[in-house]
């Protein structure tokens, strides 16, 4: 019975490991696929933008005007999206602005698809008649995108200015406190609080009874110095290494 339970437990562990491996493989493949799709999308977008720039500068008439409208529309929407996404990382109130931008992006995508289809329109007369209306729609969308973008940037700049003002005020207060020389030191505060104020150089308390050897040494008279030591230079004490030495005079060596 124990062997059967161990076999069942081993099979369950094996199935769990296989399931986790399959799940991890799916996640890795999905992440790789999203990365590839993102790279392909960015490359396609770069190619389209380069093509639109070439058409706007190299072609004249309706074709060049349509290319310029598409380029202005895509550039404005992309800059607004980037500004709102970066601001939403630190400011949660921009989530509503992102929702509004998603609705605006739907209109911009619809207009971009329409402008792309009109690039191959053979009837230039009808296309020329619709050009003012297309330009007006493009300006409305780009104006709304710029309004969101600059509002988000102004909000971020205002928050940065307020934070800098508060930081400057705190620094001024701290600088004034550092320049206040009249404040008591820590030793004075400890002394006024009744703490131990013993000086590290204070000598220990002497004992009432004096040492008998010290008293006897103090009672004995000092012996006079031997004159032979003063006359003999070899008996003089050795000078310190940093002391200046003088050579003996000739009259002292005789």
C-alpha atoms as a PDB file:
ATOM      1  CA  UNK A   1       0.000   0.000   0.000  1.00  0.00           C
ATOM      2  CA  UNK A   2       2.895   2.331   0.782  1.00  0.00           C
ATOM      3  CA  UNK A   3       4.572   1.545  -2.539  1.00  0.00           C
ATOM      4  CA  UNK A   4       1.362   2.323  -4.421  1.00  0.00           C
ATOM      5  CA  UNK A   5       1.018   5.657  -2.607  1.00  0.00           C
ATOM      6  CA  UNK A   6       4.599   6.551  -3.474  1.00  0.00           C
ATOM      7  CA  UNK A   7       3.984   5.703  -7.128  1.00  0.00           C
ATOM      8  CA  UNK A   8       0.850   7.850  -7.214  1.00  0.00           C
ATOM      9  CA  UNK A   9       2.687  10.730  -5.529  1.00  0.00           C
ATOM     10  CA  UNK A  10       5.558  10.425  -8.020  1.00  0.00           C
ATOM     11  CA  UNK A  11       3.122  10.465 -10.927  1.00  0.00           C
ATOM     12  CA  UNK A  12       1.387  13.549  -9.541  1.00  0.00           C
ATOM     13  CA  UNK A  13       4.729  15.316  -9.166  1.00  0.00           C
ATOM     14  CA  UNK A  14       5.679  14.329 -12.703  1.00  0.00           C
ATOM     15  CA  UNK A  15       2.422  15.696 -14.094  1.00  0.00           C
ATOM     16  CA  UNK A  16       2.875  18.887 -12.082  1.00  0.00           C
ATOM     17  CA  UNK A  17       6.401  19.375 -13.429  1.00  0.00           C
ATOM     18  CA  UNK A  18       5.222  18.720 -16.982  1.00  0.00           C
ATOM     19  CA  UNK A  19       2.350  21.167 -16.546  1.00  0.00           C
ATOM     20  CA  UNK A  20       4.628  23.871 -15.180  1.00  0.00           C
ATOM     21  CA  UNK A  21       7.068  23.266 -18.034  1.00  0.00           C
ATOM     22  CA  UNK A  22       4.297  23.557 -20.615  1.00  0.00           C
ATOM     23  CA  UNK A  23       2.971  26.726 -18.985  1.00  0.00           C
ATOM     24  CA  UNK A  24       6.450  28.275 -18.886  1.00  0.00           C
ATOM     25  CA  UNK A  25       6.997  27.349 -22.532  1.00  0.00           C
ATOM     26  CA  UNK A  26       3.727  28.980 -23.549  1.00  0.00           C
ATOM     27  CA  UNK A  27       4.611  32.125 -21.610  1.00  0.00           C
ATOM     28  CA  UNK A  28       8.084  32.331 -23.153  1.00  0.00           C
ATOM     29  CA  UNK A  29       6.745  31.750 -26.647  1.00  0.00           C
ATOM     30  CA  UNK A  30       4.028  34.351 -26.121  1.00  0.00           C
ATOM     31  CA  UNK A  31       6.539  36.924 -24.825  1.00  0.00           C
ATOM     32  CA  UNK A  32       8.855  36.228 -27.764  1.00  0.00           C
ATOM     33  CA  UNK A  33       5.957  36.549 -30.199  1.00  0.00           C
ATOM     34  CA  UNK A  34       4.907  39.870 -28.654  1.00  0.00           C
ATOM     35  CA  UNK A  35       8.478  41.108 -28.854  1.00  0.00           C
ATOM     36  CA  UNK A  36       8.714  40.126 -32.510  1.00  0.00           C
ATOM     37  CA  UNK A  37       5.361  41.739 -33.270  1.00  0.00           C
ATOM     38  CA  UNK A  38       6.418  44.909 -31.497  1.00  0.00           C
ATOM     39  CA  UNK A  39       9.677  45.018 -33.426  1.00  0.00           C
ATOM     40  CA  UNK A  40       7.932  44.419 -36.732  1.00  0.00           C
ATOM     41  CA  UNK A  41       5.333  47.072 -35.923  1.00  0.00           C
ATOM     42  CA  UNK A  42       8.006  49.621 -35.043  1.00  0.00           C
ATOM     43  CA  UNK A  43       9.957  48.829 -38.200  1.00  0.00           C
ATOM     44  CA  UNK A  44       6.809  49.114 -40.336  1.00  0.00           C
ATOM     45  CA  UNK A  45       5.923  52.403 -38.674  1.00  0.00           C
ATOM     46  CA  UNK A  46       9.412  53.785 -39.300  1.00  0.00           C
ATOM     47  CA  UNK A  47       9.247  52.764 -42.950  1.00  0.00           C
ATOM     48  CA  UNK A  48       5.825  54.358 -43.378  1.00  0.00           C
ATOM     49  CA  UNK A  49       6.951  57.595 -41.729  1.00  0.00           C
ATOM     50  CA  UNK A  50      10.025  57.749 -43.938  1.00  0.00           C
ATOM     51  CA  UNK A  51       7.876  57.140 -47.020  1.00  0.00           C
ATOM     52  CA  UNK A  52       5.419  59.857 -45.998  1.00  0.00           C
ATOM     53  CA  UNK A  53       8.257  62.333 -45.470  1.00  0.00           C
ATOM     54  CA  UNK A  54       9.636  61.526 -48.905  1.00  0.00           C
ATOM     55  CA  UNK A  55       6.198  61.957 -50.494  1.00  0.00           C
ATOM     56  CA  UNK A  56       5.483  65.226 -48.703  1.00  0.00           C
ATOM     57  CA  UNK A  57       8.779  66.731 -49.897  1.00  0.00           C
ATOM     58  CA  UNK A  58       9.060  65.030 -53.287  1.00  0.00           C
ATOM     59  CA  UNK A  59       5.506  65.264 -54.593  1.00  0.00           C
ATOM     60  CA  UNK A  60       3.389  68.285 -55.292  1.00  0.00           C
ATOM     61  CA  UNK A  61      -0.338  68.712 -55.493  1.00  0.00           C
ATOM     62  CA  UNK A  62      -2.908  66.509 -53.826  1.00  0.00           C
ATOM     63  CA  UNK A  63      -0.586  63.520 -53.281  1.00  0.00           C
ATOM     64  CA  UNK A  64       1.929  65.623 -51.356  1.00  0.00           C
ATOM     65  CA  UNK A  65      -0.855  67.262 -49.307  1.00  0.00           C
ATOM     66  CA  UNK A  66      -2.304  63.887 -48.322  1.00  0.00           C
ATOM     67  CA  UNK A  67       1.124  62.614 -47.275  1.00  0.00           C
ATOM     68  CA  UNK A  68       1.704  65.711 -45.154  1.00  0.00           C
ATOM     69  CA  UNK A  69      -1.688  65.324 -43.459  1.00  0.00           C
ATOM     70  CA  UNK A  70      -0.941  61.705 -42.577  1.00  0.00           C
ATOM     71  CA  UNK A  71       2.491  62.621 -41.292  1.00  0.00           C
ATOM     72  CA  UNK A  72       1.155  65.434 -39.081  1.00  0.00           C
ATOM     73  CA  UNK A  73      -1.607  63.209 -37.728  1.00  0.00           C
ATOM     74  CA  UNK A  74       0.671  60.301 -36.864  1.00  0.00           C
ATOM     75  CA  UNK A  75       3.373  62.498 -35.328  1.00  0.00           C
ATOM     76  CA  UNK A  76       0.924  64.376 -33.084  1.00  0.00           C
ATOM     77  CA  UNK A  77      -0.856  61.256 -31.843  1.00  0.00           C
ATOM     78  CA  UNK A  78       2.392  59.399 -31.192  1.00  0.00           C
ATOM     79  CA  UNK A  79       3.871  62.293 -29.183  1.00  0.00           C
ATOM     80  CA  UNK A  80       0.679  62.635 -27.118  1.00  0.00           C
ATOM     81  CA  UNK A  81       0.558  58.919 -26.384  1.00  0.00           C
ATOM     82  CA  UNK A  82       4.170  58.903 -25.224  1.00  0.00           C
ATOM     83  CA  UNK A  83       3.674  61.960 -22.984  1.00  0.00           C
ATOM     84  CA  UNK A  84       0.530  60.559 -21.355  1.00  0.00           C
ATOM     85  CA  UNK A  85       2.019  57.111 -20.763  1.00  0.00           C
ATOM     86  CA  UNK A  86       5.156  58.534 -19.178  1.00  0.00           C
ATOM     87  CA  UNK A  87       3.126  60.895 -16.993  1.00  0.00           C
ATOM     88  CA  UNK A  88       0.702  58.177 -15.879  1.00  0.00           C
ATOM     89  CA  UNK A  89       3.577  56.252 -14.283  1.00  0.00           C
ATOM     90  CA  UNK A  90       3.872  58.906 -11.567  1.00  0.00           C
ATOM     91  CA  UNK A  91       0.458  60.595 -11.748  1.00  0.00           C
ATOM     92  CA  UNK A  92      -2.576  58.321 -11.480  1.00  0.00           C
ATOM     93  CA  UNK A  93      -4.953  61.138 -12.448  1.00  0.00           C
ATOM     94  CA  UNK A  94      -3.758  60.857 -16.054  1.00  0.00           C
ATOM     95  CA  UNK A  95      -5.559  57.534 -16.468  1.00  0.00           C
ATOM     96  CA  UNK A  96      -8.709  59.407 -17.435  1.00  0.00           C
ATOM     97  CA  UNK A  97      -6.712  61.388 -19.979  1.00  0.00           C
ATOM     98  CA  UNK A  98      -5.414  58.117 -21.411  1.00  0.00           C
ATOM     99  CA  UNK A  99      -9.000  56.888 -21.775  1.00  0.00           C
ATOM    100  CA  UNK A 100      -9.901  60.063 -23.668  1.00  0.00           C
ATOM    101  CA  UNK A 101      -6.833  59.639 -25.843  1.00  0.00           C
ATOM    102  CA  UNK A 102      -7.871  56.091 -26.728  1.00  0.00           C
ATOM    103  CA  UNK A 103     -11.175  57.440 -28.030  1.00  0.00           C
ATOM    104  CA  UNK A 104      -9.321  60.148 -29.947  1.00  0.00           C
ATOM    105  CA  UNK A 105      -6.932  57.555 -31.366  1.00  0.00           C
ATOM    106  CA  UNK A 106      -9.879  55.667 -32.849  1.00  0.00           C
ATOM    107  CA  UNK A 107     -10.857  58.763 -34.843  1.00  0.00           C
ATOM    108  CA  UNK A 108      -7.240  59.324 -35.828  1.00  0.00           C
ATOM    109  CA  UNK A 109      -6.840  55.732 -37.017  1.00  0.00           C
ATOM    110  CA  UNK A 110     -10.012  56.003 -39.075  1.00  0.00           C
ATOM    111  CA  UNK A 111      -8.828  59.224 -40.686  1.00  0.00           C
ATOM    112  CA  UNK A 112      -5.367  57.778 -41.375  1.00  0.00           C
ATOM    113  CA  UNK A 113      -6.896  54.758 -43.112  1.00  0.00           C
ATOM    114  CA  UNK A 114      -9.099  57.035 -45.200  1.00  0.00           C
ATOM    115  CA  UNK A 115      -6.158  59.227 -46.205  1.00  0.00           C
ATOM    116  CA  UNK A 116      -4.172  56.123 -47.105  1.00  0.00           C
ATOM    117  CA  UNK A 117      -6.964  54.885 -49.390  1.00  0.00           C
ATOM    118  CA  UNK A 118      -7.277  58.298 -51.044  1.00  0.00           C
ATOM    119  CA  UNK A 119      -3.593  58.238 -52.015  1.00  0.00           C
ATOM    120  CA  UNK A 120      -4.486  55.793 -54.783  1.00  0.00           C
ATOM    121  CA  UNK A 121      -7.653  57.635 -55.859  1.00  0.00           C
ATOM    122  CA  UNK A 122      -7.462  58.334 -59.625  1.00  0.00           C
ATOM    123  CA  UNK A 123     -10.105  61.080 -59.604  1.00  0.00           C
ATOM    124  CA  UNK A 124      -7.961  64.058 -58.672  1.00  0.00           C
ATOM    125  CA  UNK A 125     -10.777  66.538 -59.142  1.00  0.00           C
ATOM    126  CA  UNK A 126     -12.995  64.916 -56.526  1.00  0.00           C
ATOM    127  CA  UNK A 127      -9.980  64.451 -54.280  1.00  0.00           C
ATOM    128  CA  UNK A 128      -9.113  68.143 -54.559  1.00  0.00           C
ATOM    129  CA  UNK A 129     -12.663  69.044 -53.553  1.00  0.00           C
ATOM    130  CA  UNK A 130     -12.447  66.873 -50.432  1.00  0.00           C
ATOM    131  CA  UNK A 131      -9.040  68.119 -49.395  1.00  0.00           C
ATOM    132  CA  UNK A 132     -10.277  71.098 -47.253  1.00  0.00           C
ATOM    133  CA  UNK A 133     -12.605  68.810 -45.310  1.00  0.00           C
ATOM    134  CA  UNK A 134      -9.813  66.283 -44.717  1.00  0.00           C
ATOM    135  CA  UNK A 135      -7.463  69.046 -43.616  1.00  0.00           C
ATOM    136  CA  UNK A 136     -10.089  70.375 -41.179  1.00  0.00           C
ATOM    137  CA  UNK A 137     -10.599  66.907 -39.614  1.00  0.00           C
ATOM    138  CA  UNK A 138      -6.864  66.452 -39.274  1.00  0.00           C
ATOM    139  CA  UNK A 139      -6.473  69.814 -37.557  1.00  0.00           C
ATOM    140  CA  UNK A 140      -9.277  69.038 -35.100  1.00  0.00           C
ATOM    141  CA  UNK A 141      -7.707  65.722 -34.105  1.00  0.00           C
ATOM    142  CA  UNK A 142      -4.181  67.131 -33.846  1.00  0.00           C
ATOM    143  CA  UNK A 143      -5.430  70.126 -31.852  1.00  0.00           C
ATOM    144  CA  UNK A 144      -7.186  67.843 -29.357  1.00  0.00           C
ATOM    145  CA  UNK A 145      -4.064  65.684 -29.070  1.00  0.00           C
ATOM    146  CA  UNK A 146      -1.857  68.718 -28.516  1.00  0.00           C
ATOM    147  CA  UNK A 147      -4.266  70.002 -25.853  1.00  0.00           C
ATOM    148  CA  UNK A 148      -3.951  66.747 -23.899  1.00  0.00           C
ATOM    149  CA  UNK A 149      -0.193  66.605 -24.386  1.00  0.00           C
ATOM    150  CA  UNK A 150       0.548  70.145 -23.245  1.00  0.00           C
ATOM    151  CA  UNK A 151      -1.890  69.890 -20.325  1.00  0.00           C
ATOM    152  CA  UNK A 152      -0.044  66.779 -19.090  1.00  0.00           C
ATOM    153  CA  UNK A 153       3.323  68.490 -19.506  1.00  0.00           C
ATOM    154  CA  UNK A 154       2.124  71.640 -17.709  1.00  0.00           C
ATOM    155  CA  UNK A 155       0.808  69.504 -14.857  1.00  0.00           C
ATOM    156  CA  UNK A 156       4.130  67.675 -14.527  1.00  0.00           C
ATOM    157  CA  UNK A 157       6.057  70.953 -14.635  1.00  0.00           C
ATOM    158  CA  UNK A 158       3.796  72.486 -11.974  1.00  0.00           C
ATOM    159  CA  UNK A 159       4.314  69.519  -9.671  1.00  0.00           C
ATOM    160  CA  UNK A 160       8.072  69.753 -10.201  1.00  0.00           C
ATOM    161  CA  UNK A 161       8.044  73.487  -9.410  1.00  0.00           C
ATOM    162  CA  UNK A 162       6.004  72.956  -6.226  1.00  0.00           C
ATOM    163  CA  UNK A 163       8.351  70.203  -5.071  1.00  0.00           C
ATOM    164  CA  UNK A 164      11.374  72.382  -5.815  1.00  0.00           C
ATOM    165  CA  UNK A 165       9.844  75.296  -3.887  1.00  0.00           C
ATOM    166  CA  UNK A 166       9.178  73.120  -0.833  1.00  0.00           C
ATOM    167  CA  UNK A 167      12.672  71.632  -1.036  1.00  0.00           C
ATOM    168  CA  UNK A 168      14.255  75.086  -1.286  1.00  0.00           C
ATOM    169  CA  UNK A 169      12.321  76.243   1.806  1.00  0.00           C
ATOM    170  CA  UNK A 170      13.503  73.214   3.793  1.00  0.00           C
ATOM    171  CA  UNK A 171      17.097  73.815   2.712  1.00  0.00           C
ATOM    172  CA  UNK A 172      16.898  77.477   3.791  1.00  0.00           C
ATOM    173  CA  UNK A 173      15.609  76.446   7.219  1.00  0.00           C
ATOM    174  CA  UNK A 174      18.378  73.860   7.610  1.00  0.00           C
ATOM    175  CA  UNK A 175      21.014  76.348   6.460  1.00  0.00           C
ATOM    176  CA  UNK A 176      19.805  78.867   9.058  1.00  0.00           C
ATOM    177  CA  UNK A 177      19.974  76.228  11.762  1.00  0.00           C
ATOM    178  CA  UNK A 178      23.522  75.307  10.767  1.00  0.00           C
ATOM    179  CA  UNK A 179      24.583  78.982  10.980  1.00  0.00           C
ATOM    180  CA  UNK A 180      23.098  79.443  14.480  1.00  0.00           C
ATOM    181  CA  UNK A 181      26.294  79.633  16.541  1.00  0.00           C
ATOM    182  CA  UNK A 182      24.436  80.654  19.738  1.00  0.00           C
ATOM    183  CA  UNK A 183      22.956  77.227  20.292  1.00  0.00           C
ATOM    184  CA  UNK A 184      24.589  75.270  23.182  1.00  0.00           C
ATOM    185  CA  UNK A 185      26.799  72.357  22.375  1.00  0.00           C
ATOM    186  CA  UNK A 186      26.061  68.770  23.312  1.00  0.00           C
ATOM    187  CA  UNK A 187      28.408  68.894  26.318  1.00  0.00           C
ATOM    188  CA  UNK A 188      26.591  71.947  27.664  1.00  0.00           C
ATOM    189  CA  UNK A 189      23.235  70.241  27.207  1.00  0.00           C
ATOM    190  CA  UNK A 190      24.470  67.157  29.087  1.00  0.00           C
ATOM    191  CA  UNK A 191      25.892  69.297  31.886  1.00  0.00           C
ATOM    192  CA  UNK A 192      22.657  71.270  32.249  1.00  0.00           C
ATOM    193  CA  UNK A 193      20.656  68.015  32.282  1.00  0.00           C
ATOM    194  CA  UNK A 194      22.675  66.740  35.246  1.00  0.00           C
ATOM    195  CA  UNK A 195      24.588  64.096  33.350  1.00  0.00           C
ATOM    196  CA  UNK A 196      28.151  63.066  34.024  1.00  0.00           C
ATOM    197  CA  UNK A 197      30.501  65.883  33.121  1.00  0.00           C
ATOM    198  CA  UNK A 198      33.743  64.325  34.170  1.00  0.00           C
ATOM    199  CA  UNK A 199      36.711  65.508  32.197  1.00  0.00           C
ATOM    200  CA  UNK A 200      38.835  62.813  30.573  1.00  0.00           C
ATOM    201  CA  UNK A 201      41.950  64.550  31.886  1.00  0.00           C
ATOM    202  CA  UNK A 202      40.763  64.586  35.475  1.00  0.00           C
ATOM    203  CA  UNK A 203      43.219  62.890  37.872  1.00  0.00           C
ATOM    204  CA  UNK A 204      42.004  60.091  40.138  1.00  0.00           C
ATOM    205  CA  UNK A 205      41.348  60.822  43.805  1.00  0.00           C
ATOM    206  CA  UNK A 206      44.435  60.446  45.902  1.00  0.00           C
ATOM    207  CA  UNK A 207      44.361  58.120  48.914  1.00  0.00           C
ATOM    208  CA  UNK A 208      44.494  59.704  52.375  1.00  0.00           C
ATOM    209  CA  UNK A 209      47.545  57.783  53.441  1.00  0.00           C
ATOM    210  CA  UNK A 210      50.791  58.517  51.694  1.00  0.00           C
ATOM    211  CA  UNK A 211      53.143  55.738  50.628  1.00  0.00           C
ATOM    212  CA  UNK A 212      56.002  55.139  53.067  1.00  0.00           C
ATOM    213  CA  UNK A 213      58.514  54.788  50.261  1.00  0.00           C
ATOM    214  CA  UNK A 214      57.392  58.072  48.765  1.00  0.00           C
ATOM    215  CA  UNK A 215      57.660  59.858  52.123  1.00  0.00           C
ATOM    216  CA  UNK A 216      61.075  58.440  52.775  1.00  0.00           C
ATOM    217  CA  UNK A 217      62.231  59.420  49.303  1.00  0.00           C
ATOM    218  CA  UNK A 218      60.928  62.923  49.870  1.00  0.00           C
ATOM    219  CA  UNK A 219      62.698  63.114  53.272  1.00  0.00           C
ATOM    220  CA  UNK A 220      66.121  62.158  51.911  1.00  0.00           C
ATOM    221  CA  UNK A 221      68.211  65.112  50.646  1.00  0.00           C
ATOM    222  CA  UNK A 222      69.230  65.127  46.992  1.00  0.00           C
ATOM    223  CA  UNK A 223      72.875  64.198  46.384  1.00  0.00           C
ATOM    224  CA  UNK A 224      75.019  66.796  44.575  1.00  0.00           C
ATOM    225  CA  UNK A 225      75.908  66.053  40.959  1.00  0.00           C
ATOM    226  CA  UNK A 226      79.274  64.539  40.174  1.00  0.00           C
ATOM    227  CA  UNK A 227      81.517  67.197  38.507  1.00  0.00           C
ATOM    228  CA  UNK A 228      83.260  64.496  36.475  1.00  0.00           C
ATOM    229  CA  UNK A 229      80.089  63.917  34.490  1.00  0.00           C
ATOM    230  CA  UNK A 230      79.930  67.582  33.506  1.00  0.00           C
ATOM    231  CA  UNK A 231      83.584  67.633  32.399  1.00  0.00           C
ATOM    232  CA  UNK A 232      83.441  64.400  30.434  1.00  0.00           C
ATOM    233  CA  UNK A 233      81.449  64.866  27.122  1.00  0.00           C
ATOM    234  CA  UNK A 234      81.036  61.125  26.698  1.00  0.00           C
ATOM    235  CA  UNK A 235      78.848  61.013  29.821  1.00  0.00           C
ATOM    236  CA  UNK A 236      76.364  63.575  28.474  1.00  0.00           C
ATOM    237  CA  UNK A 237      72.858  62.253  27.631  1.00  0.00           C
ATOM    238  CA  UNK A 238      72.156  61.163  24.080  1.00  0.00           C
ATOM    239  CA  UNK A 239      70.140  63.773  22.167  1.00  0.00           C
ATOM    240  CA  UNK A 240      66.779  62.994  20.543  1.00  0.00           C
ATOM    241  CA  UNK A 241      66.754  62.310  16.800  1.00  0.00           C
ATOM    242  CA  UNK A 242      64.897  65.532  16.072  1.00  0.00           C
ATOM    243  CA  UNK A 243      67.111  67.706  18.309  1.00  0.00           C
ATOM    244  CA  UNK A 244      69.774  69.882  16.721  1.00  0.00           C
ATOM    245  CA  UNK A 245      73.345  68.802  17.578  1.00  0.00           C
ATOM    246  CA  UNK A 246      76.305  71.140  17.947  1.00  0.00           C
ATOM    247  CA  UNK A 247      79.912  70.179  17.423  1.00  0.00           C
ATOM    248  CA  UNK A 248      82.099  70.639  20.555  1.00  0.00           C
ATOM    249  CA  UNK A 249      84.346  73.627  20.725  1.00  0.00           C
ATOM    250  CA  UNK A 250      88.120  73.086  20.486  1.00  0.00           C
ATOM    251  CA  UNK A 251      88.771  74.500  23.932  1.00  0.00           C
ATOM    252  CA  UNK A 252      86.469  71.919  25.555  1.00  0.00           C
ATOM    253  CA  UNK A 253      88.323  68.956  24.070  1.00  0.00           C
ATOM    254  CA  UNK A 254      91.693  69.840  25.540  1.00  0.00           C
END
